[in-house]
Amino acid sequence: MSIDIIILAAIAAFLGLRLYSVLGKRTGHEQEPMAGPVEQTPSPLTFPKTGEPQPGNTVTLDPRQGHAKLYDVAAEPGIRMLLGADRGFDVTRFVENAKMAYGMVLEAFWKGEREDLKMLCDADVYGGFAAALDAREEAGETLDNRLVRIENAVIADVEYDTPMARITMRFDADIAAVTRNKEGDVIAGSLSDAVETHDIWTFARDVNSVDPHWVLVETDEAT
């Protein structure tokens, strides 16, 4: 039976139109640049249906969409294996949806929306976010960030070990960020100065499962 492959479940119900694409740094570095809204409100993260090849599906892989590189050469063997297991997988759409998922997770983190984070991440990643939220709340601090631009969003690696698929994305962006104390005073950062951020996030899914959801299973800084 065909099902919609989506990165995250019930995003519209939890986040709705108030969520915007955002970017950021790894969990636990609250004062480092992370996220901020962009102008376009994302649509639900809907992928092509499993088992239904889509127009433009990259069976013959083309790493470029216009001038935007979609994946590193090292990721190509894994992409081919994943396409063989899931003919509905689409590289271009995954990259676009992963960018939105990246933003939605970070938006939930900045706002302290724990239930949303539980929905979007696996238990280990959620535990890291929750610990950072606990520390931030205990200190009475809040975060105020703005996305200046997304420079790059590329599939860095794909692993397929039946039945699990893991797709690692590299996100490069310019971010402005501010940390405020409980009185609302700025104690770190600046919204007038952008800082380069380089992050590595990995999403995973059991392609044989009836559960269609990709979840965030790992975050790190790019080296």
N, C-alpha and C. Protein backbone atom coordinates (compact mmCIF):
# COMPACT_ATOMS: atom_id res chain seq x y z
N MET A 1 0.85 -1.19 0.00
CA MET A 1 0.00 0.00 0.00
C MET A 1 0.89 1.24 0.00
N SER A 2 0.57 2.21 -0.86
CA SER A 2 1.37 3.42 -0.94
C SER A 2 1.09 4.31 0.25
N ILE A 3 2.15 4.93 0.77
CA ILE A 3 2.01 5.87 1.89
C ILE A 3 2.86 7.08 1.60
N ASP A 4 2.46 8.22 2.12
CA ASP A 4 3.28 9.42 1.98
C ASP A 4 4.47 9.31 2.90
N ILE A 5 5.66 9.47 2.33
CA ILE A 5 6.88 9.48 3.13
C ILE A 5 7.10 10.90 3.60
N ILE A 6 7.06 11.11 4.89
CA ILE A 6 7.28 12.44 5.45
C ILE A 6 8.39 12.36 6.46
N ILE A 7 9.16 13.40 6.63
CA ILE A 7 10.25 13.39 7.59
C ILE A 7 9.70 13.36 9.00
N LEU A 8 8.65 14.08 9.28
CA LEU A 8 8.16 14.25 10.64
C LEU A 8 6.64 14.15 10.66
N ALA A 9 6.11 13.53 11.74
CA ALA A 9 4.68 13.32 11.82
C ALA A 9 3.98 14.52 12.40
N ALA A 10 2.78 14.81 11.88
CA ALA A 10 1.84 15.78 12.45
C ALA A 10 2.47 17.14 12.69
N ILE A 11 3.35 17.56 11.78
CA ILE A 11 3.99 18.86 11.98
C ILE A 11 2.96 19.99 11.91
N ALA A 12 2.03 19.87 10.98
CA ALA A 12 1.02 20.93 10.87
C ALA A 12 0.22 21.08 12.16
N ALA A 13 -0.11 19.93 12.80
CA ALA A 13 -0.91 19.99 14.02
C ALA A 13 -0.16 20.63 15.16
N PHE A 14 1.16 20.33 15.25
CA PHE A 14 1.94 20.83 16.37
C PHE A 14 2.48 22.22 16.13
N LEU A 15 2.94 22.47 14.90
CA LEU A 15 3.66 23.70 14.64
C LEU A 15 2.88 24.69 13.79
N GLY A 16 2.13 24.18 12.81
CA GLY A 16 1.26 25.02 12.01
C GLY A 16 2.00 26.12 11.26
N LEU A 17 1.26 27.17 10.96
CA LEU A 17 1.81 28.25 10.17
C LEU A 17 2.79 29.12 10.92
N ARG A 18 2.91 28.92 12.26
CA ARG A 18 3.82 29.77 13.02
C ARG A 18 5.27 29.37 12.87
N LEU A 19 5.55 28.18 12.28
CA LEU A 19 6.93 27.73 12.12
C LEU A 19 7.53 28.25 10.83
N TYR A 20 8.77 28.65 10.88
CA TYR A 20 9.52 29.08 9.71
C TYR A 20 10.83 28.32 9.66
N SER A 21 11.42 28.25 8.47
CA SER A 21 12.71 27.57 8.32
C SER A 21 13.77 28.33 9.10
N VAL A 22 14.55 27.58 9.89
CA VAL A 22 15.61 28.17 10.68
C VAL A 22 16.82 27.26 10.64
N LEU A 23 17.96 27.78 11.04
CA LEU A 23 19.19 26.99 11.07
C LEU A 23 19.92 27.23 12.36
N GLY A 24 20.97 26.41 12.65
CA GLY A 24 21.67 26.66 13.89
C GLY A 24 22.83 25.76 14.18
N LYS A 25 23.28 25.84 15.43
CA LYS A 25 24.41 25.09 15.93
C LYS A 25 23.94 23.85 16.67
N ARG A 26 24.91 23.04 17.13
CA ARG A 26 24.59 21.77 17.76
C ARG A 26 23.98 21.96 19.14
N THR A 27 23.30 20.93 19.64
CA THR A 27 22.69 20.94 20.95
C THR A 27 23.72 21.22 22.03
N GLY A 28 23.32 22.04 23.03
CA GLY A 28 24.17 22.27 24.18
C GLY A 28 25.00 23.52 24.09
N HIS A 29 24.97 24.25 22.97
CA HIS A 29 25.72 25.48 22.83
C HIS A 29 24.74 26.62 22.68
N GLU A 30 24.03 26.93 23.77
CA GLU A 30 22.91 27.85 23.66
C GLU A 30 23.31 29.25 23.21
N GLN A 31 24.54 29.69 23.51
CA GLN A 31 24.92 31.04 23.19
C GLN A 31 25.55 31.14 21.81
N GLU A 32 25.69 30.02 21.13
CA GLU A 32 26.21 30.04 19.78
C GLU A 32 25.05 30.24 18.81
N PRO A 33 25.30 30.81 17.63
CA PRO A 33 24.21 31.08 16.68
C PRO A 33 23.49 29.81 16.31
N MET A 34 22.15 29.91 16.28
CA MET A 34 21.39 28.73 15.89
C MET A 34 20.33 29.03 14.84
N ALA A 35 19.38 29.91 15.12
CA ALA A 35 18.22 29.90 14.27
C ALA A 35 17.55 31.24 14.18
N GLY A 36 16.61 31.34 13.20
CA GLY A 36 15.82 32.54 13.03
C GLY A 36 14.88 32.35 11.87
N PRO A 37 13.81 33.12 11.78
CA PRO A 37 12.80 32.92 10.74
C PRO A 37 13.27 33.39 9.39
N VAL A 38 12.72 32.77 8.35
CA VAL A 38 12.87 33.28 7.00
C VAL A 38 11.50 33.68 6.50
N GLU A 39 11.45 34.26 5.32
CA GLU A 39 10.20 34.86 4.86
C GLU A 39 9.14 33.83 4.49
N GLN A 40 9.53 32.68 4.00
CA GLN A 40 8.57 31.72 3.47
C GLN A 40 8.14 30.72 4.52
N THR A 41 6.83 30.59 4.72
CA THR A 41 6.31 29.58 5.62
C THR A 41 6.35 28.22 4.93
N PRO A 42 6.94 27.20 5.56
CA PRO A 42 7.08 25.91 4.89
C PRO A 42 5.76 25.18 4.75
N SER A 43 5.66 24.39 3.69
CA SER A 43 4.53 23.49 3.54
C SER A 43 4.82 22.24 4.34
N PRO A 44 3.79 21.39 4.57
CA PRO A 44 4.05 20.12 5.26
C PRO A 44 5.14 19.33 4.56
N LEU A 45 5.94 18.60 5.33
CA LEU A 45 7.09 17.90 4.77
C LEU A 45 6.65 16.59 4.14
N THR A 46 6.09 16.67 2.96
CA THR A 46 5.53 15.51 2.28
C THR A 46 6.48 15.03 1.20
N PHE A 47 6.78 13.73 1.24
CA PHE A 47 7.63 13.11 0.23
C PHE A 47 6.77 12.35 -0.77
N PRO A 48 7.34 11.94 -1.90
CA PRO A 48 6.60 11.08 -2.84
C PRO A 48 6.17 9.79 -2.17
N LYS A 49 5.18 9.15 -2.73
CA LYS A 49 4.68 7.90 -2.16
C LYS A 49 5.68 6.77 -2.39
N THR A 50 5.82 5.92 -1.37
CA THR A 50 6.69 4.76 -1.49
C THR A 50 6.25 3.89 -2.65
N GLY A 51 7.22 3.47 -3.46
CA GLY A 51 6.92 2.57 -4.56
C GLY A 51 6.43 3.25 -5.81
N GLU A 52 6.35 4.58 -5.81
CA GLU A 52 5.89 5.31 -6.98
C GLU A 52 6.99 6.25 -7.46
N PRO A 53 7.76 5.86 -8.48
CA PRO A 53 8.80 6.75 -8.99
C PRO A 53 8.19 8.08 -9.41
N GLN A 54 8.86 9.18 -9.07
CA GLN A 54 8.35 10.50 -9.35
C GLN A 54 9.06 11.11 -10.54
N PRO A 55 8.41 12.08 -11.22
CA PRO A 55 9.11 12.77 -12.31
C PRO A 55 10.40 13.39 -11.80
N GLY A 56 11.49 13.15 -12.50
CA GLY A 56 12.76 13.71 -12.06
C GLY A 56 13.46 12.91 -10.99
N ASN A 57 12.90 11.76 -10.61
CA ASN A 57 13.56 10.93 -9.60
C ASN A 57 14.96 10.55 -10.09
N THR A 58 15.93 10.60 -9.17
CA THR A 58 17.32 10.51 -9.59
C THR A 58 17.82 9.07 -9.68
N VAL A 59 17.18 8.25 -10.52
CA VAL A 59 17.72 6.93 -10.81
C VAL A 59 19.03 7.10 -11.58
N THR A 60 19.01 8.00 -12.58
CA THR A 60 20.26 8.47 -13.16
C THR A 60 20.60 9.75 -12.40
N LEU A 61 21.57 9.66 -11.52
CA LEU A 61 21.79 10.72 -10.56
C LEU A 61 22.38 11.97 -11.20
N ASP A 62 21.79 13.10 -10.87
CA ASP A 62 22.30 14.40 -11.29
C ASP A 62 22.49 15.22 -10.03
N PRO A 63 23.73 15.50 -9.64
CA PRO A 63 23.96 16.16 -8.36
C PRO A 63 23.62 17.63 -8.34
N ARG A 64 23.08 18.17 -9.44
CA ARG A 64 22.81 19.60 -9.45
C ARG A 64 21.35 19.88 -9.83
N GLN A 65 20.79 20.85 -9.12
CA GLN A 65 19.48 21.40 -9.47
C GLN A 65 19.74 22.88 -9.69
N GLY A 66 19.81 23.32 -10.96
CA GLY A 66 20.28 24.66 -11.23
C GLY A 66 21.74 24.76 -10.81
N HIS A 67 22.04 25.71 -9.93
CA HIS A 67 23.40 25.87 -9.43
C HIS A 67 23.55 25.33 -8.02
N ALA A 68 22.53 24.69 -7.51
CA ALA A 68 22.57 24.19 -6.12
C ALA A 68 22.95 22.72 -6.10
N LYS A 69 24.10 22.42 -5.57
CA LYS A 69 24.54 21.04 -5.45
C LYS A 69 23.69 20.32 -4.42
N LEU A 70 23.22 19.13 -4.74
CA LEU A 70 22.32 18.41 -3.85
C LEU A 70 23.04 17.40 -2.97
N TYR A 71 24.15 16.82 -3.44
CA TYR A 71 24.82 15.80 -2.65
C TYR A 71 26.30 15.74 -3.02
N ASP A 72 27.10 15.26 -2.06
CA ASP A 72 28.51 15.02 -2.31
C ASP A 72 28.67 13.74 -3.12
N VAL A 73 29.75 13.66 -3.88
CA VAL A 73 30.02 12.46 -4.69
C VAL A 73 30.08 11.22 -3.80
N ALA A 74 30.61 11.36 -2.59
CA ALA A 74 30.74 10.22 -1.68
C ALA A 74 29.40 9.63 -1.29
N ALA A 75 28.33 10.43 -1.42
CA ALA A 75 27.00 9.96 -1.03
C ALA A 75 26.31 9.17 -2.14
N GLU A 76 26.84 9.22 -3.36
CA GLU A 76 26.15 8.62 -4.50
C GLU A 76 25.90 7.11 -4.36
N PRO A 77 26.87 6.31 -3.91
CA PRO A 77 26.58 4.87 -3.78
C PRO A 77 25.42 4.59 -2.82
N GLY A 78 25.39 5.31 -1.70
CA GLY A 78 24.31 5.11 -0.75
C GLY A 78 22.97 5.54 -1.30
N ILE A 79 22.96 6.64 -2.08
CA ILE A 79 21.72 7.08 -2.70
C ILE A 79 21.20 6.02 -3.67
N ARG A 80 22.10 5.43 -4.45
CA ARG A 80 21.68 4.40 -5.39
C ARG A 80 21.08 3.19 -4.66
N MET A 81 21.70 2.80 -3.56
CA MET A 81 21.15 1.67 -2.79
C MET A 81 19.77 2.02 -2.24
N LEU A 82 19.61 3.26 -1.75
CA LEU A 82 18.32 3.66 -1.20
C LEU A 82 17.26 3.72 -2.28
N LEU A 83 17.62 4.21 -3.46
CA LEU A 83 16.66 4.24 -4.57
C LEU A 83 16.23 2.83 -4.97
N GLY A 84 17.16 1.88 -4.86
CA GLY A 84 16.80 0.51 -5.17
C GLY A 84 15.82 -0.08 -4.18
N ALA A 85 15.92 0.36 -2.92
CA ALA A 85 15.03 -0.15 -1.88
C ALA A 85 13.70 0.61 -1.83
N ASP A 86 13.73 1.88 -2.24
CA ASP A 86 12.54 2.73 -2.16
C ASP A 86 12.47 3.57 -3.42
N ARG A 87 11.70 3.10 -4.39
CA ARG A 87 11.62 3.77 -5.69
C ARG A 87 10.92 5.12 -5.61
N GLY A 88 10.28 5.40 -4.50
CA GLY A 88 9.61 6.68 -4.34
C GLY A 88 10.50 7.76 -3.77
N PHE A 89 11.72 7.39 -3.38
CA PHE A 89 12.62 8.38 -2.79
C PHE A 89 13.05 9.40 -3.83
N ASP A 90 13.05 10.67 -3.47
CA ASP A 90 13.43 11.74 -4.39
C ASP A 90 14.48 12.63 -3.72
N VAL A 91 15.64 12.73 -4.34
CA VAL A 91 16.76 13.46 -3.74
C VAL A 91 16.44 14.94 -3.55
N THR A 92 15.93 15.57 -4.60
CA THR A 92 15.66 17.01 -4.53
C THR A 92 14.67 17.34 -3.43
N ARG A 93 13.59 16.58 -3.40
CA ARG A 93 12.56 16.86 -2.40
C ARG A 93 13.07 16.58 -0.99
N PHE A 94 13.89 15.53 -0.84
CA PHE A 94 14.43 15.25 0.49
C PHE A 94 15.27 16.41 1.00
N VAL A 95 16.13 16.94 0.15
CA VAL A 95 16.98 18.05 0.56
C VAL A 95 16.14 19.25 1.00
N GLU A 96 15.13 19.60 0.21
CA GLU A 96 14.29 20.73 0.57
C GLU A 96 13.55 20.49 1.89
N ASN A 97 13.02 19.29 2.05
CA ASN A 97 12.28 18.97 3.27
C ASN A 97 13.19 18.86 4.48
N ALA A 98 14.41 18.36 4.27
CA ALA A 98 15.37 18.29 5.38
C ALA A 98 15.72 19.68 5.87
N LYS A 99 15.82 20.65 4.96
CA LYS A 99 16.08 22.03 5.36
C LYS A 99 14.95 22.55 6.26
N MET A 100 13.72 22.24 5.88
CA MET A 100 12.60 22.68 6.70
C MET A 100 12.57 21.96 8.04
N ALA A 101 12.86 20.65 8.02
CA ALA A 101 12.88 19.89 9.26
C ALA A 101 13.95 20.42 10.20
N TYR A 102 15.11 20.75 9.64
CA TYR A 102 16.19 21.33 10.42
C TYR A 102 15.71 22.59 11.14
N GLY A 103 15.04 23.43 10.38
CA GLY A 103 14.52 24.66 10.96
C GLY A 103 13.46 24.42 12.02
N MET A 104 12.57 23.49 11.78
CA MET A 104 11.49 23.24 12.72
C MET A 104 12.00 22.70 14.06
N VAL A 105 12.99 21.82 13.99
CA VAL A 105 13.58 21.31 15.23
C VAL A 105 14.20 22.44 16.04
N LEU A 106 14.97 23.28 15.35
CA LEU A 106 15.64 24.37 16.05
C LEU A 106 14.66 25.39 16.60
N GLU A 107 13.60 25.67 15.84
CA GLU A 107 12.58 26.60 16.34
C GLU A 107 11.95 26.06 17.62
N ALA A 108 11.65 24.78 17.63
CA ALA A 108 11.09 24.18 18.84
C ALA A 108 12.07 24.26 20.00
N PHE A 109 13.36 24.06 19.71
CA PHE A 109 14.36 24.17 20.77
C PHE A 109 14.45 25.58 21.32
N TRP A 110 14.52 26.55 20.43
CA TRP A 110 14.62 27.94 20.89
C TRP A 110 13.44 28.32 21.77
N LYS A 111 12.26 27.85 21.44
CA LYS A 111 11.05 28.23 22.18
C LYS A 111 10.77 27.31 23.35
N GLY A 112 11.59 26.28 23.54
CA GLY A 112 11.40 25.37 24.65
C GLY A 112 10.20 24.47 24.50
N GLU A 113 9.84 24.11 23.28
CA GLU A 113 8.66 23.30 23.02
C GLU A 113 9.04 21.82 23.05
N ARG A 114 9.03 21.26 24.24
CA ARG A 114 9.55 19.91 24.46
C ARG A 114 8.73 18.84 23.74
N GLU A 115 7.43 18.96 23.74
CA GLU A 115 6.61 17.95 23.08
C GLU A 115 6.90 17.91 21.59
N ASP A 116 7.11 19.07 20.99
CA ASP A 116 7.45 19.10 19.57
C ASP A 116 8.80 18.42 19.33
N LEU A 117 9.76 18.67 20.21
CA LEU A 117 11.07 18.05 20.06
C LEU A 117 10.98 16.53 20.19
N LYS A 118 10.16 16.04 21.09
CA LYS A 118 9.97 14.59 21.22
C LYS A 118 9.44 14.00 19.93
N MET A 119 8.59 14.73 19.25
CA MET A 119 8.00 14.27 18.01
C MET A 119 9.03 14.26 16.88
N LEU A 120 9.93 15.23 16.89
CA LEU A 120 10.83 15.42 15.77
C LEU A 120 12.13 14.63 15.86
N CYS A 121 12.52 14.20 17.08
CA CYS A 121 13.83 13.61 17.31
C CYS A 121 13.70 12.23 17.94
N ASP A 122 14.78 11.45 17.85
CA ASP A 122 14.79 10.20 18.60
C ASP A 122 15.13 10.49 20.06
N ALA A 123 15.11 9.46 20.89
CA ALA A 123 15.25 9.66 22.34
C ALA A 123 16.60 10.27 22.71
N ASP A 124 17.68 9.84 22.07
CA ASP A 124 19.01 10.34 22.40
C ASP A 124 19.15 11.82 22.07
N VAL A 125 18.72 12.20 20.88
CA VAL A 125 18.82 13.60 20.48
C VAL A 125 17.91 14.46 21.36
N TYR A 126 16.71 13.96 21.62
CA TYR A 126 15.82 14.73 22.49
C TYR A 126 16.45 14.92 23.87
N GLY A 127 17.13 13.89 24.39
CA GLY A 127 17.77 14.02 25.69
C GLY A 127 18.78 15.14 25.73
N GLY A 128 19.54 15.31 24.64
CA GLY A 128 20.50 16.41 24.58
C GLY A 128 19.82 17.76 24.56
N PHE A 129 18.76 17.88 23.76
CA PHE A 129 18.01 19.13 23.73
C PHE A 129 17.39 19.43 25.10
N ALA A 130 16.81 18.41 25.73
CA ALA A 130 16.15 18.61 27.01
C ALA A 130 17.14 19.08 28.08
N ALA A 131 18.34 18.50 28.09
CA ALA A 131 19.35 18.92 29.06
C ALA A 131 19.73 20.38 28.85
N ALA A 132 19.87 20.79 27.58
CA ALA A 132 20.20 22.18 27.29
C ALA A 132 19.05 23.10 27.70
N LEU A 133 17.82 22.67 27.49
CA LEU A 133 16.67 23.47 27.91
C LEU A 133 16.62 23.61 29.43
N ASP A 134 16.90 22.53 30.14
CA ASP A 134 16.92 22.59 31.61
C ASP A 134 17.92 23.63 32.10
N ALA A 135 19.12 23.60 31.51
CA ALA A 135 20.17 24.54 31.93
C ALA A 135 19.77 25.97 31.60
N ARG A 136 19.18 26.16 30.45
CA ARG A 136 18.78 27.50 30.03
C ARG A 136 17.68 28.05 30.92
N GLU A 137 16.70 27.20 31.22
CA GLU A 137 15.60 27.64 32.08
C GLU A 137 16.07 27.93 33.50
N GLU A 138 16.99 27.12 34.00
CA GLU A 138 17.51 27.35 35.34
C GLU A 138 18.25 28.69 35.42
N ALA A 139 18.92 29.05 34.32
CA ALA A 139 19.65 30.32 34.29
C ALA A 139 18.73 31.50 33.98
N GLY A 140 17.50 31.22 33.59
CA GLY A 140 16.57 32.29 33.24
C GLY A 140 16.89 32.98 31.93
N GLU A 141 17.52 32.26 31.00
CA GLU A 141 17.95 32.86 29.75
C GLU A 141 17.00 32.51 28.60
N THR A 142 16.94 33.40 27.62
CA THR A 142 16.18 33.16 26.40
C THR A 142 17.08 33.46 25.20
N LEU A 143 16.71 32.89 24.06
CA LEU A 143 17.53 33.03 22.85
C LEU A 143 16.75 33.78 21.77
N ASP A 144 17.45 34.65 21.06
CA ASP A 144 16.84 35.47 20.01
C ASP A 144 17.77 35.44 18.82
N ASN A 145 17.38 34.70 17.76
CA ASN A 145 18.27 34.48 16.62
C ASN A 145 17.62 34.88 15.31
N ARG A 146 18.43 35.21 14.34
CA ARG A 146 17.93 35.57 13.02
C ARG A 146 18.77 34.90 11.95
N LEU A 147 18.09 34.23 11.01
CA LEU A 147 18.79 33.64 9.88
C LEU A 147 19.07 34.72 8.84
N VAL A 148 20.33 34.89 8.47
CA VAL A 148 20.70 35.84 7.44
C VAL A 148 20.58 35.19 6.07
N ARG A 149 21.18 34.03 5.91
CA ARG A 149 21.06 33.29 4.65
C ARG A 149 21.48 31.84 4.84
N ILE A 150 20.91 30.96 4.03
CA ILE A 150 21.36 29.57 3.93
C ILE A 150 22.31 29.48 2.75
N GLU A 151 23.54 29.22 3.04
CA GLU A 151 24.54 29.15 1.97
C GLU A 151 24.50 27.82 1.24
N ASN A 152 24.21 26.74 1.99
CA ASN A 152 24.35 25.41 1.40
C ASN A 152 23.57 24.40 2.22
N ALA A 153 22.97 23.44 1.55
CA ALA A 153 22.32 22.30 2.20
C ALA A 153 22.55 21.10 1.29
N VAL A 154 23.38 20.16 1.73
CA VAL A 154 23.87 19.09 0.86
C VAL A 154 23.80 17.75 1.60
N ILE A 155 23.41 16.70 0.87
CA ILE A 155 23.52 15.35 1.42
C ILE A 155 25.00 14.97 1.44
N ALA A 156 25.54 14.78 2.64
CA ALA A 156 26.95 14.45 2.79
C ALA A 156 27.21 12.95 2.75
N ASP A 157 26.22 12.16 3.19
CA ASP A 157 26.42 10.71 3.26
C ASP A 157 25.07 10.02 3.33
N VAL A 158 25.00 8.84 2.76
CA VAL A 158 23.80 8.00 2.86
C VAL A 158 24.25 6.59 3.20
N GLU A 159 23.65 6.03 4.24
CA GLU A 159 23.91 4.65 4.62
C GLU A 159 22.61 3.86 4.53
N TYR A 160 22.67 2.72 3.88
CA TYR A 160 21.49 1.85 3.84
C TYR A 160 21.92 0.45 4.24
N ASP A 161 21.47 0.05 5.42
CA ASP A 161 21.74 -1.28 5.96
C ASP A 161 20.38 -1.88 6.27
N THR A 162 19.89 -2.69 5.36
CA THR A 162 18.52 -3.19 5.41
C THR A 162 18.06 -3.49 6.85
N PRO A 163 16.96 -2.89 7.30
CA PRO A 163 16.07 -2.02 6.53
C PRO A 163 16.26 -0.53 6.83
N MET A 164 17.33 -0.16 7.53
CA MET A 164 17.49 1.20 8.00
C MET A 164 18.23 2.08 6.99
N ALA A 165 17.67 3.25 6.74
CA ALA A 165 18.32 4.27 5.92
C ALA A 165 18.70 5.44 6.82
N ARG A 166 19.92 5.93 6.66
CA ARG A 166 20.42 7.09 7.40
C ARG A 166 20.97 8.08 6.39
N ILE A 167 20.43 9.30 6.43
CA ILE A 167 20.87 10.34 5.50
C ILE A 167 21.46 11.48 6.31
N THR A 168 22.72 11.79 6.03
CA THR A 168 23.42 12.85 6.75
C THR A 168 23.46 14.10 5.87
N MET A 169 22.96 15.21 6.43
CA MET A 169 22.92 16.49 5.74
C MET A 169 23.96 17.44 6.32
N ARG A 170 24.57 18.23 5.45
CA ARG A 170 25.45 19.31 5.89
C ARG A 170 24.77 20.64 5.60
N PHE A 171 24.63 21.46 6.62
CA PHE A 171 23.99 22.76 6.50
C PHE A 171 25.01 23.86 6.78
N ASP A 172 25.15 24.80 5.86
CA ASP A 172 26.01 25.97 6.04
C ASP A 172 25.14 27.21 5.96
N ALA A 173 25.31 28.12 6.93
CA ALA A 173 24.47 29.31 6.96
C ALA A 173 25.18 30.46 7.65
N ASP A 174 24.67 31.66 7.43
CA ASP A 174 25.09 32.84 8.17
C ASP A 174 23.97 33.19 9.15
N ILE A 175 24.30 33.28 10.43
CA ILE A 175 23.31 33.45 11.48
C ILE A 175 23.70 34.60 12.40
N ALA A 176 22.71 35.37 12.83
CA ALA A 176 22.90 36.34 13.91
C ALA A 176 22.12 35.84 15.12
N ALA A 177 22.70 35.96 16.31
CA ALA A 177 22.08 35.37 17.51
C ALA A 177 22.34 36.22 18.74
N VAL A 178 21.39 36.15 19.65
CA VAL A 178 21.48 36.90 20.91
C VAL A 178 20.98 36.02 22.05
N THR A 179 21.67 36.07 23.19
CA THR A 179 21.20 35.46 24.42
C THR A 179 20.81 36.57 25.39
N ARG A 180 19.62 36.44 25.99
CA ARG A 180 19.14 37.44 26.94
C ARG A 180 18.97 36.80 28.31
N ASN A 181 19.18 37.60 29.36
CA ASN A 181 18.95 37.12 30.72
C ASN A 181 17.47 37.26 31.08
N LYS A 182 17.13 36.93 32.32
CA LYS A 182 15.71 36.94 32.71
C LYS A 182 15.12 38.34 32.72
N GLU A 183 15.97 39.38 32.77
CA GLU A 183 15.48 40.75 32.68
C GLU A 183 15.33 41.20 31.24
N GLY A 184 15.74 40.37 30.30
CA GLY A 184 15.65 40.72 28.89
C GLY A 184 16.87 41.45 28.35
N ASP A 185 17.91 41.58 29.16
CA ASP A 185 19.13 42.25 28.72
C ASP A 185 19.99 41.29 27.89
N VAL A 186 20.65 41.82 26.87
CA VAL A 186 21.54 41.02 26.04
C VAL A 186 22.82 40.71 26.82
N ILE A 187 23.15 39.42 26.94
CA ILE A 187 24.36 39.02 27.65
C ILE A 187 25.36 38.34 26.72
N ALA A 188 24.96 38.02 25.49
CA ALA A 188 25.87 37.42 24.52
C ALA A 188 25.31 37.59 23.12
N GLY A 189 26.21 37.76 22.16
CA GLY A 189 25.80 37.79 20.76
C GLY A 189 25.37 39.16 20.29
N SER A 190 25.01 39.22 19.01
CA SER A 190 24.56 40.46 18.39
C SER A 190 23.71 40.13 17.17
N LEU A 191 22.60 40.82 17.01
CA LEU A 191 21.76 40.62 15.84
C LEU A 191 22.28 41.38 14.62
N SER A 192 23.27 42.22 14.82
CA SER A 192 23.80 43.00 13.71
C SER A 192 25.00 42.34 13.05
N ASP A 193 25.54 41.30 13.69
CA ASP A 193 26.71 40.60 13.15
C ASP A 193 26.37 39.15 12.87
N ALA A 194 26.56 38.73 11.61
CA ALA A 194 26.30 37.35 11.23
C ALA A 194 27.54 36.50 11.46
N VAL A 195 27.31 35.25 11.87
CA VAL A 195 28.39 34.29 12.10
C VAL A 195 28.14 33.07 11.22
N GLU A 196 29.19 32.56 10.61
CA GLU A 196 29.06 31.34 9.81
C GLU A 196 28.81 30.14 10.70
N THR A 197 27.85 29.31 10.33
CA THR A 197 27.58 28.07 11.05
C THR A 197 27.68 26.91 10.07
N HIS A 198 28.18 25.78 10.56
CA HIS A 198 28.37 24.59 9.73
C HIS A 198 27.97 23.38 10.56
N ASP A 199 26.87 22.76 10.20
CA ASP A 199 26.29 21.69 11.00
C ASP A 199 26.08 20.42 10.20
N ILE A 200 26.15 19.30 10.91
CA ILE A 200 25.90 17.98 10.34
C ILE A 200 24.75 17.33 11.11
N TRP A 201 23.64 17.05 10.40
CA TRP A 201 22.50 16.39 11.03
C TRP A 201 22.18 15.11 10.26
N THR A 202 21.80 14.07 10.99
CA THR A 202 21.46 12.79 10.36
C THR A 202 20.01 12.42 10.67
N PHE A 203 19.28 12.07 9.61
CA PHE A 203 17.90 11.60 9.71
C PHE A 203 17.86 10.11 9.39
N ALA A 204 16.94 9.37 10.02
CA ALA A 204 16.88 7.92 9.82
C ALA A 204 15.44 7.45 9.67
N ARG A 205 15.31 6.32 8.97
CA ARG A 205 13.99 5.69 8.80
C ARG A 205 14.17 4.23 8.43
N ASP A 206 13.29 3.39 8.96
CA ASP A 206 13.17 2.00 8.54
C ASP A 206 12.29 1.98 7.29
N VAL A 207 12.88 1.71 6.13
CA VAL A 207 12.12 1.81 4.88
C VAL A 207 11.09 0.70 4.74
N ASN A 208 11.19 -0.35 5.54
CA ASN A 208 10.21 -1.43 5.49
C ASN A 208 9.07 -1.25 6.48
N SER A 209 9.18 -0.24 7.30
CA SER A 209 8.18 -0.01 8.33
C SER A 209 6.94 0.68 7.77
N VAL A 210 5.80 0.41 8.39
CA VAL A 210 4.59 1.13 8.02
C VAL A 210 4.63 2.57 8.54
N ASP A 211 5.52 2.82 9.49
CA ASP A 211 5.72 4.18 9.99
C ASP A 211 6.50 4.96 8.94
N PRO A 212 5.94 6.01 8.37
CA PRO A 212 6.60 6.71 7.26
C PRO A 212 7.57 7.80 7.67
N HIS A 213 7.80 7.97 8.96
CA HIS A 213 8.47 9.18 9.44
C HIS A 213 9.98 9.06 9.51
N TRP A 214 10.67 10.08 8.99
CA TRP A 214 12.09 10.25 9.21
C TRP A 214 12.26 11.03 10.51
N VAL A 215 13.23 10.63 11.33
CA VAL A 215 13.46 11.34 12.58
C VAL A 215 14.94 11.74 12.67
N LEU A 216 15.19 12.78 13.44
CA LEU A 216 16.55 13.25 13.66
C LEU A 216 17.23 12.35 14.68
N VAL A 217 18.37 11.76 14.30
CA VAL A 217 19.03 10.80 15.18
C VAL A 217 20.44 11.23 15.60
N GLU A 218 20.95 12.32 15.01
CA GLU A 218 22.28 12.76 15.37
C GLU A 218 22.50 14.21 14.95
N THR A 219 23.17 15.00 15.78
CA THR A 219 23.56 16.36 15.43
C THR A 219 25.02 16.57 15.79
N ASP A 220 25.69 17.38 14.99
CA ASP A 220 27.09 17.68 15.27
C ASP A 220 27.47 18.94 14.49
N GLU A 221 28.64 19.47 14.81
CA GLU A 221 29.23 20.57 14.04
C GLU A 221 30.11 19.99 12.95
N ALA A 222 30.06 20.60 11.78
CA ALA A 222 30.96 20.20 10.69
C ALA A 222 32.37 20.63 11.02
N THR A 223 33.33 19.80 10.66
CA THR A 223 34.73 20.12 10.91
C THR A 223 35.42 20.56 9.64
